[in-house]
Amino acid sequence: YCKNGYLIIEARQEKLKNPNYVPNSSNWKENRE
């Protein structure tokens, strides 16, 4: 987001459900719940 003349890219520690979750998948994009 832009604020006070800067672009801020913010990393947060928050839990988010992976909509692409596939149990036991070998694909790292899918095997994290």
Full PDB file with SEQRES, HELIX, SHEET, SSBOND, CRYST1, ORIGX, SCALE, CONECT and MASTER records, all heavy atoms in Angstrom:
SEQRES   1 A   33  TYR CYS LYS ASN GLY TYR LEU ILE ILE GLU ALA ARG GLN          
SEQRES   2 A   33  GLU LYS LEU LYS ASN PRO ASN TYR VAL PRO ASN SER SER          
SEQRES   3 A   33  ASN TRP LYS GLU ASN ARG GLU                                  
SHEET    1 AA1 2 CYS A   2  LYS A   3  0                                        
SHEET    2 AA1 2 TYR A   6  LEU A   7 -1                                        
CRYST1    1.000    1.000    1.000  90.00  90.00  90.00 P 1           1          
ORIGX1      1.000000  0.000000  0.000000        0.00000                         
ORIGX2      0.000000  1.000000  0.000000        0.00000                         
ORIGX3      0.000000  0.000000  1.000000        0.00000                         
SCALE1      1.000000  0.000000  0.000000        0.00000                         
SCALE2      0.000000  1.000000  0.000000        0.00000                         
SCALE3      0.000000  0.000000  1.000000        0.00000                         
ATOM      1  N   TYR A   1       0.841  -1.197   0.000  1.00  0.00           N  
ATOM      2  CA  TYR A   1       0.000   0.000   0.000  1.00  0.00           C  
ATOM      3  C   TYR A   1       0.878   1.250   0.000  1.00  0.00           C  
ATOM      4  O   TYR A   1       2.037   1.214   0.430  1.00  0.00           O  
ATOM      5  CB  TYR A   1      -0.935   0.008   1.221  1.00  0.00           C  
ATOM      6  CG  TYR A   1      -0.227  -0.124   2.552  1.00  0.00           C  
ATOM      7  CD1 TYR A   1       0.177   1.007   3.273  1.00  0.00           C  
ATOM      8  CD2 TYR A   1       0.064  -1.383   3.095  1.00  0.00           C  
ATOM      9  CE1 TYR A   1       0.848   0.889   4.482  1.00  0.00           C  
ATOM     10  CE2 TYR A   1       0.734  -1.508   4.306  1.00  0.00           C  
ATOM     11  CZ  TYR A   1       1.126  -0.372   4.995  1.00  0.00           C  
ATOM     12  OH  TYR A   1       1.796  -0.500   6.190  1.00  0.00           O  
ATOM     13  N   CYS A   2       0.298   2.329  -0.493  1.00  0.00           N  
ATOM     14  CA  CYS A   2       1.012   3.605  -0.522  1.00  0.00           C  
ATOM     15  C   CYS A   2       0.525   4.476   0.633  1.00  0.00           C  
ATOM     16  O   CYS A   2      -0.682   4.563   0.881  1.00  0.00           O  
ATOM     17  CB  CYS A   2       0.763   4.329  -1.839  1.00  0.00           C  
ATOM     18  SG  CYS A   2       1.224   3.356  -3.288  1.00  0.00           S  
ATOM     19  N   LYS A   3       1.476   5.082   1.318  1.00  0.00           N  
ATOM     20  CA  LYS A   3       1.140   5.932   2.452  1.00  0.00           C  
ATOM     21  C   LYS A   3       2.230   6.994   2.634  1.00  0.00           C  
ATOM     22  O   LYS A   3       3.414   6.666   2.659  1.00  0.00           O  
ATOM     23  CB  LYS A   3       1.021   5.079   3.719  1.00  0.00           C  
ATOM     24  CG  LYS A   3       0.402   5.816   4.902  1.00  0.00           C  
ATOM     25  CD  LYS A   3       0.166   4.865   6.073  1.00  0.00           C  
ATOM     26  CE  LYS A   3      -0.453   5.609   7.242  1.00  0.00           C  
ATOM     27  NZ  LYS A   3      -0.660   4.739   8.395  1.00  0.00           N  
ATOM     28  N   ASN A   4       1.799   8.253   2.747  1.00  0.00           N  
ATOM     29  CA  ASN A   4       2.723   9.379   2.993  1.00  0.00           C  
ATOM     30  C   ASN A   4       3.874   9.428   1.993  1.00  0.00           C  
ATOM     31  O   ASN A   4       5.016   9.727   2.348  1.00  0.00           O  
ATOM     32  CB  ASN A   4       3.277   9.310   4.417  1.00  0.00           C  
ATOM     33  CG  ASN A   4       2.180   9.370   5.463  1.00  0.00           C  
ATOM     34  OD1 ASN A   4       1.155  10.019   5.249  1.00  0.00           O  
ATOM     35  ND2 ASN A   4       2.372   8.690   6.580  1.00  0.00           N  
ATOM     36  N   GLY A   5       3.581   9.126   0.734  1.00  0.00           N  
ATOM     37  CA  GLY A   5       4.606   9.229  -0.308  1.00  0.00           C  
ATOM     38  C   GLY A   5       5.519   8.027  -0.435  1.00  0.00           C  
ATOM     39  O   GLY A   5       6.512   8.085  -1.168  1.00  0.00           O  
ATOM     40  N   TYR A   6       5.190   6.949   0.251  1.00  0.00           N  
ATOM     41  CA  TYR A   6       6.002   5.733   0.153  1.00  0.00           C  
ATOM     42  C   TYR A   6       5.137   4.545  -0.223  1.00  0.00           C  
ATOM     43  O   TYR A   6       3.962   4.471   0.157  1.00  0.00           O  
ATOM     44  CB  TYR A   6       6.667   5.405   1.499  1.00  0.00           C  
ATOM     45  CG  TYR A   6       7.628   6.463   1.972  1.00  0.00           C  
ATOM     46  CD1 TYR A   6       7.281   7.314   3.022  1.00  0.00           C  
ATOM     47  CD2 TYR A   6       8.873   6.608   1.380  1.00  0.00           C  
ATOM     48  CE1 TYR A   6       8.150   8.299   3.454  1.00  0.00           C  
ATOM     49  CE2 TYR A   6       9.756   7.593   1.813  1.00  0.00           C  
ATOM     50  CZ  TYR A   6       9.393   8.434   2.850  1.00  0.00           C  
ATOM     51  OH  TYR A   6      10.253   9.412   3.277  1.00  0.00           O  
ATOM     52  N   LEU A   7       5.735   3.616  -0.945  1.00  0.00           N  
ATOM     53  CA  LEU A   7       5.137   2.297  -1.114  1.00  0.00           C  
ATOM     54  C   LEU A   7       5.630   1.444   0.050  1.00  0.00           C  
ATOM     55  O   LEU A   7       6.837   1.357   0.290  1.00  0.00           O  
ATOM     56  CB  LEU A   7       5.596   1.660  -2.429  1.00  0.00           C  
ATOM     57  CG  LEU A   7       5.320   0.157  -2.572  1.00  0.00           C  
ATOM     58  CD1 LEU A   7       3.825  -0.120  -2.719  1.00  0.00           C  
ATOM     59  CD2 LEU A   7       6.081  -0.429  -3.758  1.00  0.00           C  
ATOM     60  N   ILE A   8       4.698   0.858   0.783  1.00  0.00           N  
ATOM     61  CA  ILE A   8       5.056  -0.030   1.892  1.00  0.00           C  
ATOM     62  C   ILE A   8       4.697  -1.457   1.491  1.00  0.00           C  
ATOM     63  O   ILE A   8       3.545  -1.740   1.144  1.00  0.00           O  
ATOM     64  CB  ILE A   8       4.271   0.319   3.188  1.00  0.00           C  
ATOM     65  CG1 ILE A   8       4.264   1.824   3.467  1.00  0.00           C  
ATOM     66  CG2 ILE A   8       4.797  -0.508   4.360  1.00  0.00           C  
ATOM     67  CD1 ILE A   8       5.525   2.418   3.975  1.00  0.00           C  
ATOM     68  N   ILE A   9       5.679  -2.334   1.535  1.00  0.00           N  
ATOM     69  CA  ILE A   9       5.425  -3.767   1.342  1.00  0.00           C  
ATOM     70  C   ILE A   9       5.648  -4.397   2.704  1.00  0.00           C  
ATOM     71  O   ILE A   9       6.759  -4.350   3.248  1.00  0.00           O  
ATOM     72  CB  ILE A   9       6.342  -4.369   0.267  1.00  0.00           C  
ATOM     73  CG1 ILE A   9       6.060  -3.698  -1.087  1.00  0.00           C  
ATOM     74  CG2 ILE A   9       6.140  -5.874   0.165  1.00  0.00           C  
ATOM     75  CD1 ILE A   9       6.970  -4.133  -2.207  1.00  0.00           C  
ATOM     76  N   GLU A  10       4.583  -4.935   3.261  1.00  0.00           N  
ATOM     77  CA  GLU A  10       4.601  -5.340   4.668  1.00  0.00           C  
ATOM     78  C   GLU A  10       4.440  -6.852   4.819  1.00  0.00           C  
ATOM     79  O   GLU A  10       3.480  -7.440   4.313  1.00  0.00           O  
ATOM     80  CB  GLU A  10       3.473  -4.608   5.402  1.00  0.00           C  
ATOM     81  CG  GLU A  10       3.506  -4.766   6.901  1.00  0.00           C  
ATOM     82  CD  GLU A  10       2.478  -3.849   7.574  1.00  0.00           C  
ATOM     83  OE1 GLU A  10       2.688  -2.622   7.588  1.00  0.00           O  
ATOM     84  OE2 GLU A  10       1.480  -4.370   8.079  1.00  0.00           O  
ATOM     85  N   ALA A  11       5.379  -7.443   5.536  1.00  0.00           N  
ATOM     86  CA  ALA A  11       5.297  -8.870   5.862  1.00  0.00           C  
ATOM     87  C   ALA A  11       4.701  -9.018   7.257  1.00  0.00           C  
ATOM     88  O   ALA A  11       5.110  -8.321   8.180  1.00  0.00           O  
ATOM     89  CB  ALA A  11       6.689  -9.496   5.823  1.00  0.00           C  
ATOM     90  N   ARG A  12       3.731  -9.902   7.371  1.00  0.00           N  
ATOM     91  CA  ARG A  12       3.043 -10.102   8.651  1.00  0.00           C  
ATOM     92  C   ARG A  12       3.068 -11.574   9.035  1.00  0.00           C  
ATOM     93  O   ARG A  12       3.017 -12.448   8.166  1.00  0.00           O  
ATOM     94  CB  ARG A  12       1.580  -9.642   8.543  1.00  0.00           C  
ATOM     95  CG  ARG A  12       1.426  -8.196   8.104  1.00  0.00           C  
ATOM     96  CD  ARG A  12      -0.024  -7.844   7.802  1.00  0.00           C  
ATOM     97  NE  ARG A  12      -0.115  -6.523   7.187  1.00  0.00           N  
ATOM     98  CZ  ARG A  12      -1.015  -6.183   6.262  1.00  0.00           C  
ATOM     99  NH1 ARG A  12      -1.913  -7.053   5.858  1.00  0.00           N  
ATOM    100  NH2 ARG A  12      -1.019  -4.963   5.753  1.00  0.00           N  
ATOM    101  N   GLN A  13       3.101 -11.804  10.335  1.00  0.00           N  
ATOM    102  CA  GLN A  13       3.000 -13.168  10.839  1.00  0.00           C  
ATOM    103  C   GLN A  13       1.525 -13.418  11.127  1.00  0.00           C  
ATOM    104  O   GLN A  13       0.979 -12.938  12.115  1.00  0.00           O  
ATOM    105  CB  GLN A  13       3.840 -13.338  12.106  1.00  0.00           C  
ATOM    106  CG  GLN A  13       3.929 -14.777  12.573  1.00  0.00           C  
ATOM    107  CD  GLN A  13       4.998 -14.958  13.646  1.00  0.00           C  
ATOM    108  OE1 GLN A  13       5.484 -13.996  14.236  1.00  0.00           O  
ATOM    109  NE2 GLN A  13       5.366 -16.197  13.908  1.00  0.00           N  
ATOM    110  N   GLU A  14       0.875 -14.103  10.224  1.00  0.00           N  
ATOM    111  CA  GLU A  14      -0.554 -14.394  10.391  1.00  0.00           C  
ATOM    112  C   GLU A  14      -0.884 -15.685   9.658  1.00  0.00           C  
ATOM    113  O   GLU A  14      -0.329 -15.979   8.614  1.00  0.00           O  
ATOM    114  CB  GLU A  14      -1.418 -13.233   9.878  1.00  0.00           C  
ATOM    115  CG  GLU A  14      -1.186 -12.833   8.447  1.00  0.00           C  
ATOM    116  CD  GLU A  14      -2.013 -11.608   8.027  1.00  0.00           C  
ATOM    117  OE1 GLU A  14      -2.896 -11.198   8.795  1.00  0.00           O  
ATOM    118  OE2 GLU A  14      -1.772 -11.088   6.921  1.00  0.00           O  
ATOM    119  N   LYS A  15      -1.774 -16.439  10.235  1.00  0.00           N  
ATOM    120  CA  LYS A  15      -2.116 -17.754   9.705  1.00  0.00           C  
ATOM    121  C   LYS A  15      -3.216 -17.609   8.656  1.00  0.00           C  
ATOM    122  O   LYS A  15      -4.227 -16.955   8.890  1.00  0.00           O  
ATOM    123  CB  LYS A  15      -2.592 -18.649  10.851  1.00  0.00           C  
ATOM    124  CG  LYS A  15      -2.655 -20.121  10.513  1.00  0.00           C  
ATOM    125  CD  LYS A  15      -2.981 -20.907  11.790  1.00  0.00           C  
ATOM    126  CE  LYS A  15      -3.228 -22.365  11.481  1.00  0.00           C  
ATOM    127  NZ  LYS A  15      -3.627 -23.107  12.681  1.00  0.00           N  
ATOM    128  N   LEU A  16      -2.987 -18.226   7.519  1.00  0.00           N  
ATOM    129  CA  LEU A  16      -3.936 -18.114   6.419  1.00  0.00           C  
ATOM    130  C   LEU A  16      -4.138 -19.491   5.803  1.00  0.00           C  
ATOM    131  O   LEU A  16      -3.165 -20.206   5.530  1.00  0.00           O  
ATOM    132  CB  LEU A  16      -3.351 -17.155   5.374  1.00  0.00           C  
ATOM    133  CG  LEU A  16      -4.298 -16.476   4.418  1.00  0.00           C  
ATOM    134  CD1 LEU A  16      -5.054 -15.361   5.135  1.00  0.00           C  
ATOM    135  CD2 LEU A  16      -3.523 -15.887   3.252  1.00  0.00           C  
ATOM    136  N   LYS A  17      -5.378 -19.878   5.587  1.00  0.00           N  
ATOM    137  CA  LYS A  17      -5.660 -21.190   5.006  1.00  0.00           C  
ATOM    138  C   LYS A  17      -5.261 -21.196   3.534  1.00  0.00           C  
ATOM    139  O   LYS A  17      -5.532 -20.246   2.808  1.00  0.00           O  
ATOM    140  CB  LYS A  17      -7.150 -21.517   5.152  1.00  0.00           C  
ATOM    141  CG  LYS A  17      -7.454 -22.987   4.912  1.00  0.00           C  
ATOM    142  CD  LYS A  17      -8.793 -23.387   5.530  1.00  0.00           C  
ATOM    143  CE  LYS A  17      -9.152 -24.835   5.232  1.00  0.00           C  
ATOM    144  NZ  LYS A  17      -8.140 -25.807   5.653  1.00  0.00           N  
ATOM    145  N   ASN A  18      -4.590 -22.241   3.124  1.00  0.00           N  
ATOM    146  CA  ASN A  18      -4.186 -22.391   1.726  1.00  0.00           C  
ATOM    147  C   ASN A  18      -5.345 -22.990   0.933  1.00  0.00           C  
ATOM    148  O   ASN A  18      -5.677 -24.161   1.107  1.00  0.00           O  
ATOM    149  CB  ASN A  18      -2.944 -23.293   1.656  1.00  0.00           C  
ATOM    150  CG  ASN A  18      -2.488 -23.532   0.223  1.00  0.00           C  
ATOM    151  OD1 ASN A  18      -2.996 -22.941  -0.728  1.00  0.00           O  
ATOM    152  ND2 ASN A  18      -1.508 -24.420   0.069  1.00  0.00           N  
ATOM    153  N   PRO A  19      -5.971 -22.217   0.036  1.00  0.00           N  
ATOM    154  CA  PRO A  19      -7.113 -22.736  -0.713  1.00  0.00           C  
ATOM    155  C   PRO A  19      -6.731 -23.852  -1.687  1.00  0.00           C  
ATOM    156  O   PRO A  19      -7.591 -24.595  -2.156  1.00  0.00           O  
ATOM    157  CB  PRO A  19      -7.641 -21.504  -1.465  1.00  0.00           C  
ATOM    158  CG  PRO A  19      -6.496 -20.564  -1.533  1.00  0.00           C  
ATOM    159  CD  PRO A  19      -5.654 -20.812  -0.309  1.00  0.00           C  
ATOM    160  N   ASN A  20      -5.420 -23.965  -1.969  1.00  0.00           N  
ATOM    161  CA  ASN A  20      -4.947 -24.988  -2.912  1.00  0.00           C  
ATOM    162  C   ASN A  20      -4.410 -26.235  -2.207  1.00  0.00           C  
ATOM    163  O   ASN A  20      -3.745 -27.055  -2.816  1.00  0.00           O  
ATOM    164  CB  ASN A  20      -3.844 -24.397  -3.808  1.00  0.00           C  
ATOM    165  CG  ASN A  20      -4.288 -23.098  -4.460  1.00  0.00           C  
ATOM    166  OD1 ASN A  20      -5.397 -23.017  -4.978  1.00  0.00           O  
ATOM    167  ND2 ASN A  20      -3.450 -22.077  -4.418  1.00  0.00           N  
ATOM    168  N   TYR A  21      -4.713 -26.350  -0.909  1.00  0.00           N  
ATOM    169  CA  TYR A  21      -4.170 -27.453  -0.104  1.00  0.00           C  
ATOM    170  C   TYR A  21      -4.603 -28.824  -0.632  1.00  0.00           C  
ATOM    171  O   TYR A  21      -5.781 -29.069  -0.878  1.00  0.00           O  
ATOM    172  CB  TYR A  21      -4.626 -27.285   1.345  1.00  0.00           C  
ATOM    173  CG  TYR A  21      -4.235 -28.418   2.273  1.00  0.00           C  
ATOM    174  CD1 TYR A  21      -2.897 -28.788   2.434  1.00  0.00           C  
ATOM    175  CD2 TYR A  21      -5.207 -29.128   2.985  1.00  0.00           C  
ATOM    176  CE1 TYR A  21      -2.540 -29.819   3.283  1.00  0.00           C  
ATOM    177  CE2 TYR A  21      -4.859 -30.154   3.838  1.00  0.00           C  
ATOM    178  CZ  TYR A  21      -3.519 -30.501   3.978  1.00  0.00           C  
ATOM    179  OH  TYR A  21      -3.173 -31.526   4.828  1.00  0.00           O  
ATOM    180  N   VAL A  22      -3.598 -29.688  -0.812  1.00  0.00           N  
ATOM    181  CA  VAL A  22      -3.842 -31.082  -1.191  1.00  0.00           C  
ATOM    182  C   VAL A  22      -3.002 -31.947  -0.251  1.00  0.00           C  
ATOM    183  O   VAL A  22      -1.773 -31.932  -0.321  1.00  0.00           O  
ATOM    184  CB  VAL A  22      -3.423 -31.356  -2.657  1.00  0.00           C  
ATOM    185  CG1 VAL A  22      -3.652 -32.829  -3.018  1.00  0.00           C  
ATOM    186  CG2 VAL A  22      -4.162 -30.447  -3.627  1.00  0.00           C  
ATOM    187  N   PRO A  23      -3.642 -32.702   0.673  1.00  0.00           N  
ATOM    188  CA  PRO A  23      -2.874 -33.526   1.610  1.00  0.00           C  
ATOM    189  C   PRO A  23      -1.947 -34.490   0.863  1.00  0.00           C  
ATOM    190  O   PRO A  23      -2.324 -35.025  -0.182  1.00  0.00           O  
ATOM    191  CB  PRO A  23      -3.952 -34.291   2.390  1.00  0.00           C  
ATOM    192  CG  PRO A  23      -5.209 -33.501   2.200  1.00  0.00           C  
ATOM    193  CD  PRO A  23      -5.095 -32.842   0.857  1.00  0.00           C  
ATOM    194  N   ASN A  24      -0.746 -34.641   1.392  1.00  0.00           N  
ATOM    195  CA  ASN A  24       0.253 -35.586   0.863  1.00  0.00           C  
ATOM    196  C   ASN A  24       0.746 -35.257  -0.550  1.00  0.00           C  
ATOM    197  O   ASN A  24       1.392 -36.086  -1.188  1.00  0.00           O  
ATOM    198  CB  ASN A  24      -0.283 -37.027   0.880  1.00  0.00           C  
ATOM    199  CG  ASN A  24      -0.758 -37.431   2.264  1.00  0.00           C  
ATOM    200  OD1 ASN A  24      -0.100 -37.111   3.265  1.00  0.00           O  
ATOM    201  ND2 ASN A  24      -1.910 -38.086   2.335  1.00  0.00           N  
ATOM    202  N   SER A  25       0.456 -34.053  -1.033  1.00  0.00           N  
ATOM    203  CA  SER A  25       0.975 -33.658  -2.344  1.00  0.00           C  
ATOM    204  C   SER A  25       2.490 -33.485  -2.252  1.00  0.00           C  
ATOM    205  O   SER A  25       3.017 -33.091  -1.210  1.00  0.00           O  
ATOM    206  CB  SER A  25       0.327 -32.351  -2.787  1.00  0.00           C  
ATOM    207  OG  SER A  25       1.000 -31.825  -3.924  1.00  0.00           O  
ATOM    208  N   SER A  26       3.179 -33.768  -3.348  1.00  0.00           N  
ATOM    209  CA  SER A  26       4.639 -33.543  -3.372  1.00  0.00           C  
ATOM    210  C   SER A  26       4.958 -32.110  -3.793  1.00  0.00           C  
ATOM    211  O   SER A  26       6.110 -31.690  -3.770  1.00  0.00           O  
ATOM    212  CB  SER A  26       5.298 -34.532  -4.335  1.00  0.00           C  
ATOM    213  OG  SER A  26       4.754 -34.352  -5.630  1.00  0.00           O  
ATOM    214  N   ASN A  27       3.934 -31.355  -4.182  1.00  0.00           N  
ATOM    215  CA  ASN A  27       4.109 -29.970  -4.600  1.00  0.00           C  
ATOM    216  C   ASN A  27       4.057 -29.056  -3.367  1.00  0.00           C  
ATOM    217  O   ASN A  27       3.057 -29.028  -2.650  1.00  0.00           O  
ATOM    218  CB  ASN A  27       2.986 -29.619  -5.588  1.00  0.00           C  
ATOM    219  CG  ASN A  27       3.101 -28.191  -6.115  1.00  0.00           C  
ATOM    220  OD1 ASN A  27       3.760 -27.330  -5.533  1.00  0.00           O  
ATOM    221  ND2 ASN A  27       2.440 -27.944  -7.228  1.00  0.00           N  
ATOM    222  N   TRP A  28       5.124 -28.305  -3.128  1.00  0.00           N  
ATOM    223  CA  TRP A  28       5.198 -27.463  -1.918  1.00  0.00           C  
ATOM    224  C   TRP A  28       4.109 -26.397  -1.869  1.00  0.00           C  
ATOM    225  O   TRP A  28       3.749 -25.917  -0.801  1.00  0.00           O  
ATOM    226  CB  TRP A  28       6.582 -26.805  -1.807  1.00  0.00           C  
ATOM    227  CG  TRP A  28       6.829 -25.717  -2.811  1.00  0.00           C  
ATOM    228  CD1 TRP A  28       7.303 -25.869  -4.081  1.00  0.00           C  
ATOM    229  CD2 TRP A  28       6.613 -24.312  -2.641  1.00  0.00           C  
ATOM    230  NE1 TRP A  28       7.381 -24.644  -4.712  1.00  0.00           N  
ATOM    231  CE2 TRP A  28       6.974 -23.668  -3.850  1.00  0.00           C  
ATOM    232  CE3 TRP A  28       6.160 -23.517  -1.582  1.00  0.00           C  
ATOM    233  CZ2 TRP A  28       6.892 -22.294  -4.038  1.00  0.00           C  
ATOM    234  CZ3 TRP A  28       6.070 -22.134  -1.770  1.00  0.00           C  
ATOM    235  CH2 TRP A  28       6.437 -21.537  -2.984  1.00  0.00           C  
ATOM    236  N   LYS A  29       3.575 -26.012  -3.028  1.00  0.00           N  
ATOM    237  CA  LYS A  29       2.508 -25.006  -3.045  1.00  0.00           C  
ATOM    238  C   LYS A  29       1.174 -25.595  -2.590  1.00  0.00           C  
ATOM    239  O   LYS A  29       0.251 -24.858  -2.244  1.00  0.00           O  
ATOM    240  CB  LYS A  29       2.343 -24.424  -4.451  1.00  0.00           C  
ATOM    241  CG  LYS A  29       3.556 -23.648  -4.937  1.00  0.00           C  
ATOM    242  CD  LYS A  29       3.323 -23.109  -6.340  1.00  0.00           C  
ATOM    243  CE  LYS A  29       4.565 -22.379  -6.854  1.00  0.00           C  
ATOM    244  NZ  LYS A  29       4.370 -21.840  -8.204  1.00  0.00           N  
ATOM    245  N   GLU A  30       1.081 -26.927  -2.589  1.00  0.00           N  
ATOM    246  CA  GLU A  30      -0.172 -27.604  -2.239  1.00  0.00           C  
ATOM    247  C   GLU A  30      -0.133 -28.313  -0.890  1.00  0.00           C  
ATOM    248  O   GLU A  30      -1.170 -28.484  -0.251  1.00  0.00           O  
ATOM    249  CB  GLU A  30      -0.524 -28.642  -3.319  1.00  0.00           C  
ATOM    250  CG  GLU A  30      -0.784 -28.064  -4.682  1.00  0.00           C  
ATOM    251  CD  GLU A  30      -0.980 -29.125  -5.745  1.00  0.00           C  
ATOM    252  OE1 GLU A  30      -0.633 -30.316  -5.511  1.00  0.00           O  
ATOM    253  OE2 GLU A  30      -1.476 -28.771  -6.835  1.00  0.00           O  
ATOM    254  N   ASN A  31       1.052 -28.748  -0.451  1.00  0.00           N  
ATOM    255  CA  ASN A  31       1.091 -29.612   0.732  1.00  0.00           C  
ATOM    256  C   ASN A  31       1.140 -28.873   2.071  1.00  0.00           C  
ATOM    257  O   ASN A  31       1.252 -29.498   3.117  1.00  0.00           O  
ATOM    258  CB  ASN A  31       2.240 -30.632   0.637  1.00  0.00           C  
ATOM    259  CG  ASN A  31       3.611 -29.987   0.580  1.00  0.00           C  
ATOM    260  OD1 ASN A  31       3.777 -28.838   0.980  1.00  0.00           O  
ATOM    261  ND2 ASN A  31       4.594 -30.724   0.078  1.00  0.00           N  
ATOM    262  N   ARG A  32       1.062 -27.553   2.046  1.00  0.00           N  
ATOM    263  CA  ARG A  32       0.962 -26.787   3.295  1.00  0.00           C  
ATOM    264  C   ARG A  32      -0.514 -26.412   3.493  1.00  0.00           C  
ATOM    265  O   ARG A  32      -1.088 -25.705   2.660  1.00  0.00           O  
ATOM    266  CB  ARG A  32       1.764 -25.493   3.194  1.00  0.00           C  
ATOM    267  CG  ARG A  32       3.222 -25.680   2.818  1.00  0.00           C  
ATOM    268  CD  ARG A  32       3.839 -24.307   2.544  1.00  0.00           C  
ATOM    269  NE  ARG A  32       5.255 -24.410   2.251  1.00  0.00           N  
ATOM    270  CZ  ARG A  32       6.051 -23.357   2.055  1.00  0.00           C  
ATOM    271  NH1 ARG A  32       5.551 -22.138   2.125  1.00  0.00           N  
ATOM    272  NH2 ARG A  32       7.324 -23.512   1.793  1.00  0.00           N  
ATOM    273  N   GLU A  33      -1.070 -26.825   4.593  1.00  0.00           N  
ATOM    274  CA  GLU A  33      -2.481 -26.517   4.829  1.00  0.00           C  
ATOM    275  C   GLU A  33      -2.675 -25.028   5.123  1.00  0.00           C  
ATOM    276  O   GLU A  33      -3.689 -24.433   4.769  1.00  0.00           O  
ATOM    277  CB  GLU A  33      -3.024 -27.354   5.988  1.00  0.00           C  
ATOM    278  CG  GLU A  33      -4.528 -27.268   6.112  1.00  0.00           C  
ATOM    279  CD  GLU A  33      -5.114 -28.221   7.150  1.00  0.00           C  
ATOM    280  OE1 GLU A  33      -4.351 -29.013   7.762  1.00  0.00           O  
ATOM    281  OE2 GLU A  33      -6.341 -28.158   7.352  1.00  0.00           O  
TER     282      GLU A  33                                                      
MASTER        0    0    0    0    2    0    0    6  281    1    0    3          
END                                                                             
